[in-house]
C-alpha atoms as a PDB file:
ATOM      1  CA  MET A   1     -21.092 -23.715  20.225  1.00  0.00           C
ATOM      2  CA  SER A   2     -17.471 -22.953  18.459  1.00  0.00           C
ATOM      3  CA  SER A   3     -14.295 -23.806  20.305  1.00  0.00           C
ATOM      4  CA  LYS A   4     -13.397 -20.140  19.788  1.00  0.00           C
ATOM      5  CA  SER A   5     -16.578 -19.070  21.245  1.00  0.00           C
ATOM      6  CA  SER A   6     -15.906 -21.833  24.221  1.00  0.00           C
ATOM      7  CA  ILE A   7     -12.747 -20.142  24.979  1.00  0.00           C
ATOM      8  CA  ASN A   8     -14.030 -16.856  25.090  1.00  0.00           C
ATOM      9  CA  ASN A   9     -16.572 -17.812  27.680  1.00  0.00           C
ATOM     10  CA  ILE A  10     -14.039 -19.210  29.407  1.00  0.00           C
ATOM     11  CA  MET A  11     -11.445 -16.347  29.503  1.00  0.00           C
ATOM     12  CA  ASN A  12     -14.823 -13.994  30.167  1.00  0.00           C
ATOM     13  CA  ARG A  13     -15.680 -16.403  33.758  1.00  0.00           C
ATOM     14  CA  ILE A  14     -11.887 -15.810  34.614  1.00  0.00           C
ATOM     15  CA  LEU A  15     -12.380 -11.941  34.179  1.00  0.00           C
ATOM     16  CA  GLU A  16     -15.866 -11.938  36.327  1.00  0.00           C
ATOM     17  CA  PHE A  17     -13.641 -14.135  38.817  1.00  0.00           C
ATOM     18  CA  SER A  18     -10.702 -11.207  39.241  1.00  0.00           C
ATOM     19  CA  LYS A  19     -13.779  -8.961  39.663  1.00  0.00           C
ATOM     20  CA  GLU A  20     -14.965 -10.983  42.350  1.00  0.00           C
ATOM     21  CA  SER A  21     -11.411 -11.224  43.998  1.00  0.00           C
ATOM     22  CA  GLY A  22     -11.221  -7.303  44.291  1.00  0.00           C
ATOM     23  CA  MET A  23      -9.439  -6.850  41.147  1.00  0.00           C
ATOM     24  CA  GLU A  24     -11.977  -5.316  39.323  1.00  0.00           C
ATOM     25  CA  ASN A  25      -9.639  -3.131  36.292  1.00  0.00           C
ATOM     26  CA  SER A  26      -6.698  -4.801  36.785  1.00  0.00           C
ATOM     27  CA  PHE A  27      -7.396  -7.226  33.826  1.00  0.00           C
ATOM     28  CA  PHE A  28      -9.159  -7.237  30.347  1.00  0.00           C
ATOM     29  CA  LEU A  29      -9.409  -9.816  27.352  1.00  0.00           C
ATOM     30  CA  HIS A  30      -7.401  -9.304  24.630  1.00  0.00           C
ATOM     31  CA  ILE A  31      -8.077 -10.994  20.813  1.00  0.00           C
ATOM     32  CA  ALA A  32      -6.103 -11.264  18.295  1.00  0.00           C
ATOM     33  CA  PRO A  33      -6.968 -10.461  15.553  1.00  0.00           C
ATOM     34  CA  ASN A  34     -10.226  -8.437  16.813  1.00  0.00           C
ATOM     35  CA  LEU A  35     -12.770  -6.442  14.742  1.00  0.00           C
ATOM     36  CA  GLY A  36     -12.974  -3.297  17.172  1.00  0.00           C
ATOM     37  CA  LYS A  37     -14.433  -2.753  20.353  1.00  0.00           C
ATOM     38  CA  THR A  38     -17.667  -2.460  21.691  1.00  0.00           C
ATOM     39  CA  ASN A  39     -18.798  -1.371  24.660  1.00  0.00           C
ATOM     40  CA  GLY A  40     -14.832  -1.688  26.097  1.00  0.00           C
ATOM     41  CA  ARG A  41     -14.471  -5.027  24.499  1.00  0.00           C
ATOM     42  CA  GLU A  42     -12.655  -6.714  21.943  1.00  0.00           C
ATOM     43  CA  ILE A  43     -15.156  -8.233  18.794  1.00  0.00           C
ATOM     44  CA  LEU A  44     -14.196 -12.071  18.020  1.00  0.00           C
ATOM     45  CA  LYS A  45     -13.526 -12.233  14.359  1.00  0.00           C
ATOM     46  CA  TYR A  46     -15.024 -15.834  13.688  1.00  0.00           C
ATOM     47  CA  ALA A  47     -13.033 -17.726  10.990  1.00  0.00           C
ATOM     48  CA  CYS A  48     -14.787 -17.858   7.133  1.00  0.00           C
ATOM     49  CA  GLU A  49     -13.210 -19.083   3.684  1.00  0.00           C
ATOM     50  CA  GLU A  50      -9.460 -17.769   3.446  1.00  0.00           C
ATOM     51  CA  ASP A  51      -9.492 -16.542   7.087  1.00  0.00           C
ATOM     52  CA  VAL A  52      -8.526 -18.255  10.025  1.00  0.00           C
ATOM     53  CA  GLY A  53     -10.430 -15.505  12.200  1.00  0.00           C
ATOM     54  CA  THR A  54      -9.136 -15.097  15.806  1.00  0.00           C
ATOM     55  CA  THR A  55      -6.275 -17.423  16.998  1.00  0.00           C
ATOM     56  CA  ASP A  56      -5.659 -16.072  20.418  1.00  0.00           C
ATOM     57  CA  ILE A  57      -7.647 -15.083  23.153  1.00  0.00           C
ATOM     58  CA  GLN A  58      -5.475 -13.601  26.195  1.00  0.00           C
ATOM     59  CA  PHE A  59      -5.532 -12.625  29.708  1.00  0.00           C
ATOM     60  CA  MET A  60      -3.882  -9.572  30.378  1.00  0.00           C
ATOM     61  CA  LEU A  61      -3.126  -6.644  32.936  1.00  0.00           C
ATOM     62  CA  SER A  62      -4.956  -3.513  32.081  1.00  0.00           C
ATOM     63  CA  GLY A  63      -3.082  -0.905  30.413  1.00  0.00           C
ATOM     64  CA  SER A  64      -0.653  -3.026  28.563  1.00  0.00           C
ATOM     65  CA  LEU A  65      -1.642  -1.551  24.990  1.00  0.00           C
ATOM     66  CA  LYS A  66       1.103  -0.675  22.537  1.00  0.00           C
ATOM     67  CA  GLU A  67      -0.296   2.607  22.142  1.00  0.00           C
ATOM     68  CA  SER A  68       0.285   3.448  25.871  1.00  0.00           C
ATOM     69  CA  GLY A  69       3.629   1.669  25.721  1.00  0.00           C
ATOM     70  CA  LEU A  70       4.218   3.788  22.629  1.00  0.00           C
ATOM     71  CA  LEU A  71       4.184   7.233  25.375  1.00  0.00           C
ATOM     72  CA  VAL A  72       6.387   5.135  28.009  1.00  0.00           C
ATOM     73  CA  LEU A  73       9.001   4.861  25.616  1.00  0.00           C
ATOM     74  CA  LEU A  74       8.883   8.565  24.642  1.00  0.00           C
ATOM     75  CA  ASN A  75       9.008   9.250  27.932  1.00  0.00           C
ATOM     76  CA  LYS A  76      12.263   7.171  28.349  1.00  0.00           C
ATOM     77  CA  TYR A  77      14.190   8.723  25.389  1.00  0.00           C
ATOM     78  CA  LEU A  78      12.847  12.437  26.201  1.00  0.00           C
ATOM     79  CA  GLU A  79      14.315  11.724  29.817  1.00  0.00           C
ATOM     80  CA  ALA A  80      17.626  10.043  28.541  1.00  0.00           C
ATOM     81  CA  LYS A  81      18.427  13.169  25.915  1.00  0.00           C
ATOM     82  CA  THR A  82      17.124  15.848  27.964  1.00  0.00           C
ATOM     83  CA  GLY A  83      17.154  14.782  31.397  1.00  0.00           C
ATOM     84  CA  LYS A  84      13.464  15.245  32.237  1.00  0.00           C
ATOM     85  CA  SER A  85      10.487  13.257  31.861  1.00  0.00           C
ATOM     86  CA  PRO A  86       7.807  14.684  30.119  1.00  0.00           C
ATOM     87  CA  PHE A  87       5.094  12.661  31.317  1.00  0.00           C
ATOM     88  CA  GLY A  88       6.901  12.210  35.126  1.00  0.00           C
ATOM     89  CA  ASP A  89       9.072   9.855  36.678  1.00  0.00           C
ATOM     90  CA  ASN A  90       6.294   7.763  38.017  1.00  0.00           C
ATOM     91  CA  PHE A  91       4.561   7.351  34.240  1.00  0.00           C
ATOM     92  CA  ASN A  92       3.725   3.716  33.230  1.00  0.00           C
ATOM     93  CA  VAL A  93       0.958   1.939  30.939  1.00  0.00           C
ATOM     94  CA  ARG A  94      -1.159   1.563  34.611  1.00  0.00           C
ATOM     95  CA  ASN A  95      -1.821   5.383  34.544  1.00  0.00           C
ATOM     96  CA  ALA A  96      -1.768   6.543  31.030  1.00  0.00           C
ATOM     97  CA  PRO A  97      -4.902   7.754  29.357  1.00  0.00           C
ATOM     98  CA  LYS A  98      -7.139   4.974  27.227  1.00  0.00           C
ATOM     99  CA  SER A  99      -7.809   6.836  23.987  1.00  0.00           C
ATOM    100  CA  ILE A 100      -5.840   7.578  21.201  1.00  0.00           C
ATOM    101  CA  ILE A 101      -7.153  11.079  21.574  1.00  0.00           C
ATOM    102  CA  GLU A 102      -6.282  11.382  25.199  1.00  0.00           C
ATOM    103  CA  LEU A 103      -2.983  10.307  24.162  1.00  0.00           C
ATOM    104  CA  LYS A 104      -2.350  12.149  21.392  1.00  0.00           C
ATOM    105  CA  ASP A 105      -3.242  15.498  23.474  1.00  0.00           C
ATOM    106  CA  LEU A 106      -0.941  14.569  26.336  1.00  0.00           C
ATOM    107  CA  CYS A 107       1.817  14.730  24.031  1.00  0.00           C
ATOM    108  CA  LEU A 108       0.818  18.207  22.908  1.00  0.00           C
ATOM    109  CA  GLU A 109       0.731  18.984  26.450  1.00  0.00           C
ATOM    110  CA  LYS A 110       3.606  18.006  27.499  1.00  0.00           C
ATOM    111  CA  ILE A 111       6.142  17.338  24.280  1.00  0.00           C
ATOM    112  CA  GLN A 112       7.523  20.500  22.951  1.00  0.00           C
ATOM    113  CA  ASP A 113       8.214  20.434  18.463  1.00  0.00           C
ATOM    114  CA  SER A 114      11.491  20.541  18.719  1.00  0.00           C
ATOM    115  CA  GLN A 115      12.122  17.594  20.877  1.00  0.00           C
ATOM    116  CA  MET A 116       9.688  15.028  19.498  1.00  0.00           C
ATOM    117  CA  PRO A 117      11.389  12.879  17.026  1.00  0.00           C
ATOM    118  CA  MET A 118      10.367  10.838  14.187  1.00  0.00           C
ATOM    119  CA  LEU A 119       8.418   7.751  14.439  1.00  0.00           C
ATOM    120  CA  ILE A 120       8.392   4.452  12.850  1.00  0.00           C
ATOM    121  CA  GLY A 121       6.003   1.794  13.131  1.00  0.00           C
ATOM    122  CA  ILE A 122       6.000  -1.227  12.580  1.00  0.00           C
ATOM    123  CA  GLY A 123       2.578  -4.012  12.355  1.00  0.00           C
ATOM    124  CA  ASP A 124       0.894  -7.428  11.136  1.00  0.00           C
ATOM    125  CA  THR A 125      -1.818  -7.183  12.282  1.00  0.00           C
ATOM    126  CA  VAL A 126      -4.820  -4.839  10.761  1.00  0.00           C
ATOM    127  CA  THR A 127      -8.258  -5.955  10.114  1.00  0.00           C
ATOM    128  CA  SER A 128     -11.164  -4.249   8.315  1.00  0.00           C
ATOM    129  CA  ASN A 129     -14.662  -6.127   7.804  1.00  0.00           C
ATOM    130  CA  HIS A 130     -17.834  -4.977   7.305  1.00  0.00           C
ATOM    131  CA  SER A 131     -20.632  -5.770   9.607  1.00  0.00           C
ATOM    132  CA  GLU A 132     -23.205  -8.708   9.375  1.00  0.00           C
ATOM    133  CA  ASP A 133     -25.829  -5.532   8.018  1.00  0.00           C
ATOM    134  CA  GLY A 134     -23.079  -4.290   5.833  1.00  0.00           C
ATOM    135  CA  LYS A 135     -23.824  -0.658   6.876  1.00  0.00           C
ATOM    136  CA  GLU A 136     -20.540  -0.059   8.667  1.00  0.00           C
ATOM    137  CA  TRP A 137     -16.956  -1.149   8.817  1.00  0.00           C
ATOM    138  CA  LEU A 138     -15.515  -2.544  12.132  1.00  0.00           C
ATOM    139  CA  ARG A 139     -12.011  -2.038  12.359  1.00  0.00           C
ATOM    140  CA  GLY A 140      -9.630  -3.334  14.527  1.00  0.00           C
ATOM    141  CA  GLY A 141      -6.453  -5.675  15.232  1.00  0.00           C
ATOM    142  CA  SER A 142      -3.577  -5.101  17.623  1.00  0.00           C
ATOM    143  CA  ASP A 143      -1.688  -2.923  16.004  1.00  0.00           C
ATOM    144  CA  ARG A 144      -4.194  -0.436  14.520  1.00  0.00           C
ATOM    145  CA  GLY A 145      -4.040   1.242  17.829  1.00  0.00           C
ATOM    146  CA  PHE A 146      -0.222   2.247  18.131  1.00  0.00           C
ATOM    147  CA  LEU A 147       0.084   2.925  14.118  1.00  0.00           C
ATOM    148  CA  THR A 148      -2.961   5.257  14.052  1.00  0.00           C
ATOM    149  CA  LEU A 149      -1.645   7.080  17.360  1.00  0.00           C
ATOM    150  CA  ILE A 150       2.063   7.501  15.453  1.00  0.00           C
ATOM    151  CA  GLN A 151       0.415   8.540  12.111  1.00  0.00           C
ATOM    152  CA  GLU A 152      -1.619  11.177  14.233  1.00  0.00           C
ATOM    153  CA  LEU A 153       1.239  12.322  16.270  1.00  0.00           C
ATOM    154  CA  GLY A 154       3.072  13.174  12.290  1.00  0.00           C
ATOM    155  CA  LYS A 155       0.132  15.114  11.420  1.00  0.00           C
ATOM    156  CA  GLN A 156       0.383  17.187  14.686  1.00  0.00           C
ATOM    157  CA  TYR A 157       4.184  17.785  14.841  1.00  0.00           C
ATOM    158  CA  SER A 158       4.392  17.664  11.304  1.00  0.00           C
ATOM    159  CA  LYS A 159       7.273  14.939  11.544  1.00  0.00           C
ATOM    160  CA  ASP A 160       7.480  12.409   8.862  1.00  0.00           C
ATOM    161  CA  ASN A 161       6.397   9.517  10.263  1.00  0.00           C
ATOM    162  CA  LYS A 162       6.284   6.085   8.791  1.00  0.00           C
ATOM    163  CA  VAL A 163       3.567   3.720   9.281  1.00  0.00           C
ATOM    164  CA  VAL A 164       4.755   0.054   7.903  1.00  0.00           C
ATOM    165  CA  LEU A 165       2.366  -3.271   8.069  1.00  0.00           C
ATOM    166  CA  VAL A 166       4.119  -6.627   7.308  1.00  0.00           C
ATOM    167  CA  ASP A 167       3.094  -9.948   6.334  1.00  0.00           C
ATOM    168  CA  SER A 168       4.441 -11.510   8.783  1.00  0.00           C
ATOM    169  CA  SER A 169       3.289 -15.139   8.051  1.00  0.00           C
ATOM    170  CA  GLY A 170       4.697 -14.620   4.379  1.00  0.00           C
ATOM    171  CA  GLY A 171       1.669 -16.755   3.436  1.00  0.00           C
ATOM    172  CA  GLU A 172       1.666 -19.494   5.743  1.00  0.00           C
ATOM    173  CA  VAL A 173      -1.447 -18.502   7.726  1.00  0.00           C
ATOM    174  CA  ASP A 174      -4.965 -18.870   6.509  1.00  0.00           C
ATOM    175  CA  ARG A 175      -5.898 -14.642   6.743  1.00  0.00           C
ATOM    176  CA  PRO A 176      -6.546 -11.911   4.487  1.00  0.00           C
ATOM    177  CA  SER A 177      -2.739 -10.962   3.246  1.00  0.00           C
ATOM    178  CA  LEU A 178      -1.054  -8.182   1.406  1.00  0.00           C
ATOM    179  CA  SER A 179      -0.902 -10.175  -1.913  1.00  0.00           C
ATOM    180  CA  THR A 180      -3.848  -7.916  -2.978  1.00  0.00           C
ATOM    181  CA  LYS A 181      -4.063  -4.393  -4.102  1.00  0.00           C
ATOM    182  CA  ASP A 182      -7.415  -3.506  -2.343  1.00  0.00           C
ATOM    183  CA  LEU A 183      -6.061  -4.916   0.808  1.00  0.00           C
ATOM    184  CA  LYS A 184      -9.318  -6.844   1.544  1.00  0.00           C
ATOM    185  CA  GLY A 185      -9.651  -7.699   5.310  1.00  0.00           C
ATOM    186  CA  ILE A 186      -6.908  -5.573   5.938  1.00  0.00           C
ATOM    187  CA  SER A 187      -8.110  -2.056   5.499  1.00  0.00           C
ATOM    188  CA  ASP A 188     -11.145  -0.507   2.954  1.00  0.00           C
ATOM    189  CA  PRO A 189     -11.023   2.592   1.133  1.00  0.00           C
ATOM    190  CA  TYR A 190     -12.855   4.767   3.968  1.00  0.00           C
ATOM    191  CA  ASP A 191      -9.363   4.095   6.593  1.00  0.00           C
ATOM    192  CA  PRO A 192      -8.339   6.790   8.278  1.00  0.00           C
ATOM    193  CA  LEU A 193      -4.968   4.599   8.945  1.00  0.00           C
ATOM    194  CA  LYS A 194      -3.132   4.898   5.887  1.00  0.00           C
ATOM    195  CA  PHE A 195       0.345   2.627   5.320  1.00  0.00           C
ATOM    196  CA  ASN A 196       3.486   4.119   3.667  1.00  0.00           C
ATOM    197  CA  THR A 197       5.265   0.916   3.124  1.00  0.00           C
ATOM    198  CA  LEU A 198       4.083  -3.000   2.927  1.00  0.00           C
ATOM    199  CA  PHE A 199       6.125  -5.626   3.254  1.00  0.00           C
ATOM    200  CA  SER A 200       4.185  -8.279   1.300  1.00  0.00           C
ATOM    201  CA  ASP A 201       7.276 -11.535   1.405  1.00  0.00           C
ATOM    202  CA  GLY A 202       7.034 -11.973   5.042  1.00  0.00           C
ATOM    203  CA  PRO A 203       9.497 -11.399   7.964  1.00  0.00           C
ATOM    204  CA  SER A 204      12.483 -12.053   5.097  1.00  0.00           C
ATOM    205  CA  SER A 205      11.680  -8.790   3.523  1.00  0.00           C
ATOM    206  CA  TYR A 206      11.383  -7.023   6.910  1.00  0.00           C
ATOM    207  CA  ILE A 207      14.357  -7.732   8.090  1.00  0.00           C
ATOM    208  CA  ASN A 208      16.905  -7.101   5.190  1.00  0.00           C
ATOM    209  CA  TRP A 209      15.053  -3.478   5.196  1.00  0.00           C
ATOM    210  CA  PHE A 210      15.997  -3.306   8.795  1.00  0.00           C
ATOM    211  CA  ASN A 211      19.393  -4.103   8.684  1.00  0.00           C
ATOM    212  CA  LYS A 212      20.084  -1.533   5.558  1.00  0.00           C
ATOM    213  CA  LEU A 213      18.162   1.237   7.606  1.00  0.00           C
ATOM    214  CA  ALA A 214      20.869   0.594  10.664  1.00  0.00           C
ATOM    215  CA  GLU A 215      23.899   0.170   8.435  1.00  0.00           C
ATOM    216  CA  ALA A 216      22.994   3.185   6.641  1.00  0.00           C
ATOM    217  CA  ARG A 217      22.306   5.286  10.157  1.00  0.00           C
ATOM    218  CA  ILE A 218      25.830   4.199  11.492  1.00  0.00           C
ATOM    219  CA  LYS A 219      27.287   5.535   8.182  1.00  0.00           C
ATOM    220  CA  LYS A 220      25.612   8.807   8.881  1.00  0.00           C
ATOM    221  CA  GLN A 221      26.377   8.787  12.173  1.00  0.00           C
ATOM    222  CA  ARG A 222      30.291   8.065  11.987  1.00  0.00           C
END
Protein backbone atom coordinates (compact mmCIF):
# COMPACT_ATOMS: atom_id res chain seq x y z
CA MET A 1 0.00 0.00 0.00
CA SER A 2 1.35 3.43 -0.91
CA SER A 3 2.08 6.03 1.76
CA LYS A 4 -0.66 8.27 0.29
CA SER A 5 -3.22 5.46 0.56
CA SER A 6 -2.15 4.83 4.15
CA ILE A 7 -2.52 8.51 5.05
CA ASN A 8 -5.89 8.62 3.31
CA ASN A 9 -7.07 5.60 5.30
CA ILE A 10 -5.93 7.21 8.56
CA MET A 11 -7.73 10.44 7.71
CA ASN A 12 -10.88 8.53 6.77
CA ARG A 13 -10.74 6.79 10.15
CA ILE A 14 -10.53 10.19 11.88
CA LEU A 15 -13.55 11.28 9.83
CA GLU A 16 -15.47 8.20 10.98
CA PHE A 17 -14.41 8.86 14.57
CA SER A 18 -15.86 12.38 14.36
CA LYS A 19 -19.21 10.86 13.30
CA GLU A 20 -19.09 8.36 16.16
CA SER A 21 -18.48 11.30 18.52
CA GLY A 22 -21.66 13.06 17.47
CA MET A 23 -20.05 15.46 14.99
CA GLU A 24 -21.42 14.06 11.77
CA ASN A 25 -21.32 16.54 8.87
CA SER A 26 -18.91 18.76 10.84
CA PHE A 27 -15.77 17.84 8.88
CA PHE A 28 -14.60 16.62 5.49
CA LEU A 29 -11.34 15.52 3.88
CA HIS A 30 -9.82 17.93 1.37
CA ILE A 31 -7.40 16.23 -1.01
CA ALA A 32 -5.06 18.45 -3.05
CA PRO A 33 -4.67 18.18 -5.91
CA ASN A 34 -7.60 15.88 -6.58
CA LEU A 35 -9.48 14.42 -9.53
CA GLY A 36 -12.90 15.77 -8.65
CA LYS A 37 -15.46 14.02 -6.46
CA THR A 38 -17.29 10.72 -6.32
CA ASN A 39 -20.09 10.05 -3.83
CA GLY A 40 -19.29 13.37 -2.16
CA ARG A 41 -15.62 12.55 -1.55
CA GLU A 42 -12.62 13.96 -3.37
CA ILE A 43 -10.65 11.50 -5.50
CA LEU A 44 -7.01 10.79 -4.67
CA LYS A 45 -4.56 11.52 -7.50
CA TYR A 46 -1.76 8.94 -7.64
CA ALA A 47 1.75 9.95 -8.62
CA CYS A 48 3.10 9.07 -12.02
CA GLU A 49 5.93 10.16 -14.29
CA GLU A 50 6.13 13.99 -14.37
CA ASP A 51 3.29 14.35 -11.84
CA VAL A 52 3.76 14.14 -8.08
CA GLY A 53 0.01 13.62 -7.63
CA THR A 54 -1.81 14.37 -4.38
CA THR A 55 0.47 16.06 -1.86
CA ASP A 56 -1.96 17.18 0.88
CA ILE A 57 -4.79 15.43 2.71
CA GLN A 58 -6.42 17.92 5.06
CA PHE A 59 -9.07 17.45 7.76
CA MET A 60 -11.30 20.50 7.36
CA LEU A 61 -14.49 22.04 8.72
CA SER A 62 -17.51 21.39 6.54
CA GLY A 63 -18.38 24.35 4.39
CA SER A 64 -14.84 25.69 4.16
CA LEU A 65 -14.92 25.81 0.36
CA LYS A 66 -13.59 28.69 -1.67
CA GLU A 67 -16.77 29.00 -3.71
CA SER A 68 -18.78 29.39 -0.49
CA GLY A 69 -16.22 31.91 0.73
CA LEU A 70 -16.73 33.92 -2.46
CA LEU A 71 -20.36 34.51 -1.51
CA VAL A 72 -19.35 35.46 2.04
CA LEU A 73 -17.01 38.09 0.57
CA LEU A 74 -19.76 39.35 -1.76
CA ASN A 75 -22.12 39.57 1.20
CA LYS A 76 -19.60 41.65 3.19
CA TYR A 77 -18.71 43.83 0.19
CA LEU A 78 -22.32 44.69 -0.61
CA GLU A 79 -23.11 45.30 3.04
CA ALA A 80 -20.30 47.87 3.18
CA LYS A 81 -21.38 49.44 -0.11
CA THR A 82 -25.17 49.44 0.24
CA GLY A 83 -25.74 49.02 3.97
CA LYS A 84 -27.57 45.71 3.43
CA SER A 85 -26.34 42.10 3.34
CA PRO A 86 -28.05 40.39 0.39
CA PHE A 87 -27.73 36.95 1.95
CA GLY A 88 -28.48 38.05 5.50
CA ASP A 89 -26.36 39.07 8.49
CA ASN A 90 -25.86 35.47 9.63
CA PHE A 91 -24.76 34.08 6.27
CA ASN A 92 -21.56 31.98 6.45
CA VAL A 93 -19.82 29.07 4.72
CA ARG A 94 -21.58 26.54 6.95
CA ASN A 95 -25.09 27.54 5.89
CA ALA A 96 -24.19 28.42 2.29
CA PRO A 97 -25.40 26.15 -0.53
CA LYS A 98 -22.94 23.42 -1.50
CA SER A 99 -23.14 23.23 -5.29
CA ILE A 100 -22.05 25.71 -7.94
CA ILE A 101 -25.57 25.80 -9.38
CA GLU A 102 -27.15 26.54 -5.99
CA LEU A 103 -24.59 29.25 -5.19
CA LYS A 104 -25.14 30.88 -8.57
CA ASP A 105 -28.93 30.71 -8.19
CA LEU A 106 -28.70 32.32 -4.75
CA CYS A 107 -26.76 35.23 -6.24
CA LEU A 108 -29.29 35.64 -9.04
CA GLU A 109 -32.10 35.67 -6.50
CA LYS A 110 -30.55 38.09 -4.01
CA ILE A 111 -28.17 40.38 -5.95
CA GLN A 112 -29.37 42.86 -8.55
CA ASP A 113 -27.47 43.31 -11.81
CA SER A 114 -26.47 46.85 -10.85
CA GLN A 115 -24.97 45.66 -7.55
CA MET A 116 -22.84 42.77 -8.78
CA PRO A 117 -19.18 43.82 -9.17
CA MET A 118 -16.75 42.53 -11.75
CA LEU A 119 -14.82 39.60 -10.26
CA ILE A 120 -11.26 38.38 -10.89
CA GLY A 121 -10.44 34.87 -9.70
CA ILE A 122 -6.82 33.77 -9.16
CA GLY A 123 -6.03 30.08 -8.79
CA ASP A 124 -3.10 27.69 -9.06
CA THR A 125 -4.60 24.21 -8.57
CA VAL A 126 -6.81 22.90 -11.37
CA THR A 127 -6.65 19.37 -12.76
CA SER A 128 -8.07 17.38 -15.65
CA ASN A 129 -7.12 13.78 -16.40
CA HIS A 130 -8.61 10.86 -18.28
CA SER A 131 -10.26 8.15 -16.21
CA GLU A 132 -8.52 4.76 -16.20
CA ASP A 133 -10.83 3.46 -18.92
CA GLY A 134 -10.32 6.65 -20.95
CA LYS A 135 -14.06 7.21 -21.30
CA GLU A 136 -14.35 10.43 -19.31
CA TRP A 137 -12.44 13.41 -17.97
CA LEU A 138 -11.88 13.62 -14.23
CA ARG A 139 -11.76 17.32 -13.43
CA GLY A 140 -10.82 18.65 -10.01
CA GLY A 141 -8.40 20.87 -8.15
CA SER A 142 -8.86 23.08 -5.11
CA ASP A 143 -9.52 26.18 -7.22
CA ARG A 144 -11.78 24.76 -9.91
CA GLY A 145 -15.00 25.35 -7.98
CA PHE A 146 -14.66 29.04 -7.21
CA LEU A 147 -13.08 29.85 -10.58
CA THR A 148 -16.01 28.14 -12.30
CA LEU A 149 -18.46 30.10 -10.15
CA ILE A 150 -16.76 33.39 -11.06
CA GLN A 151 -16.91 32.46 -14.74
CA GLU A 152 -20.60 31.53 -14.53
CA LEU A 153 -21.54 34.67 -12.59
CA GLY A 154 -19.84 36.71 -15.30
CA LYS A 155 -22.04 35.08 -17.93
CA GLN A 156 -25.24 35.48 -15.91
CA TYR A 157 -24.62 39.11 -14.97
CA SER A 158 -22.96 40.12 -18.26
CA LYS A 159 -19.80 41.11 -16.38
CA ASP A 160 -16.29 40.94 -17.79
CA ASN A 161 -15.13 38.55 -15.06
CA LYS A 162 -11.62 37.13 -15.38
CA VAL A 163 -10.29 33.69 -14.52
CA VAL A 164 -6.53 33.60 -13.98
CA LEU A 165 -4.25 30.59 -13.47
CA VAL A 166 -0.79 30.90 -11.93
CA ASP A 167 1.97 28.29 -12.09
CA SER A 168 2.71 28.85 -8.41
CA SER A 169 5.59 26.38 -8.21
CA GLY A 170 7.55 28.00 -11.02
CA GLY A 171 8.60 24.51 -12.11
CA GLU A 172 9.92 23.56 -8.67
CA VAL A 173 7.25 20.88 -8.14
CA ASP A 174 7.04 17.88 -10.46
CA ARG A 175 3.48 18.33 -11.71
CA PRO A 176 1.64 19.53 -14.84
CA SER A 177 2.63 23.11 -15.59
CA LEU A 178 1.71 25.97 -17.88
CA SER A 179 4.79 25.36 -20.01
CA THR A 180 2.79 23.36 -22.57
CA LYS A 181 0.11 25.00 -24.69
CA ASP A 182 -2.27 22.04 -24.40
CA LEU A 183 -2.32 22.38 -20.57
CA LYS A 184 -2.10 18.60 -20.23
CA GLY A 185 -3.11 17.48 -16.76
CA ILE A 186 -4.67 20.90 -16.04
CA SER A 187 -7.40 21.29 -18.64
CA ASP A 188 -8.76 19.47 -21.69
CA PRO A 189 -10.40 20.39 -25.01
CA TYR A 190 -13.89 19.94 -23.54
CA ASP A 191 -13.26 21.66 -20.21
CA PRO A 192 -16.05 24.20 -19.49
CA LEU A 193 -13.61 26.25 -17.38
CA LYS A 194 -11.77 28.66 -19.68
CA PHE A 195 -8.80 30.73 -18.48
CA ASN A 196 -8.46 34.36 -19.52
CA THR A 197 -4.83 34.71 -18.43
CA LEU A 198 -1.98 32.30 -17.65
CA PHE A 199 1.07 33.20 -15.56
CA SER A 200 3.63 30.54 -16.47
CA ASP A 201 6.71 32.14 -14.87
CA GLY A 202 5.81 31.47 -11.27
CA PRO A 203 4.67 33.77 -8.46
CA SER A 204 6.94 36.68 -9.42
CA SER A 205 5.10 37.31 -12.71
CA TYR A 206 1.75 37.33 -10.93
CA ILE A 207 3.03 39.63 -8.16
CA ASN A 208 4.34 42.12 -10.75
CA TRP A 209 1.00 42.08 -12.55
CA PHE A 210 -0.92 42.55 -9.30
CA ASN A 211 1.26 45.52 -8.28
CA LYS A 212 0.73 47.19 -11.67
CA LEU A 213 -3.02 46.60 -11.42
CA ALA A 214 -3.12 48.17 -7.94
CA GLU A 215 -1.10 51.17 -9.10
CA ALA A 216 -3.37 51.71 -12.11
CA ARG A 217 -6.45 51.53 -9.91
CA ILE A 218 -5.05 54.09 -7.47
CA LYS A 219 -4.28 56.50 -10.34
CA LYS A 220 -7.79 56.06 -11.71
CA GLN A 221 -9.36 56.86 -8.34
CA ARG A 222 -7.39 60.11 -7.89
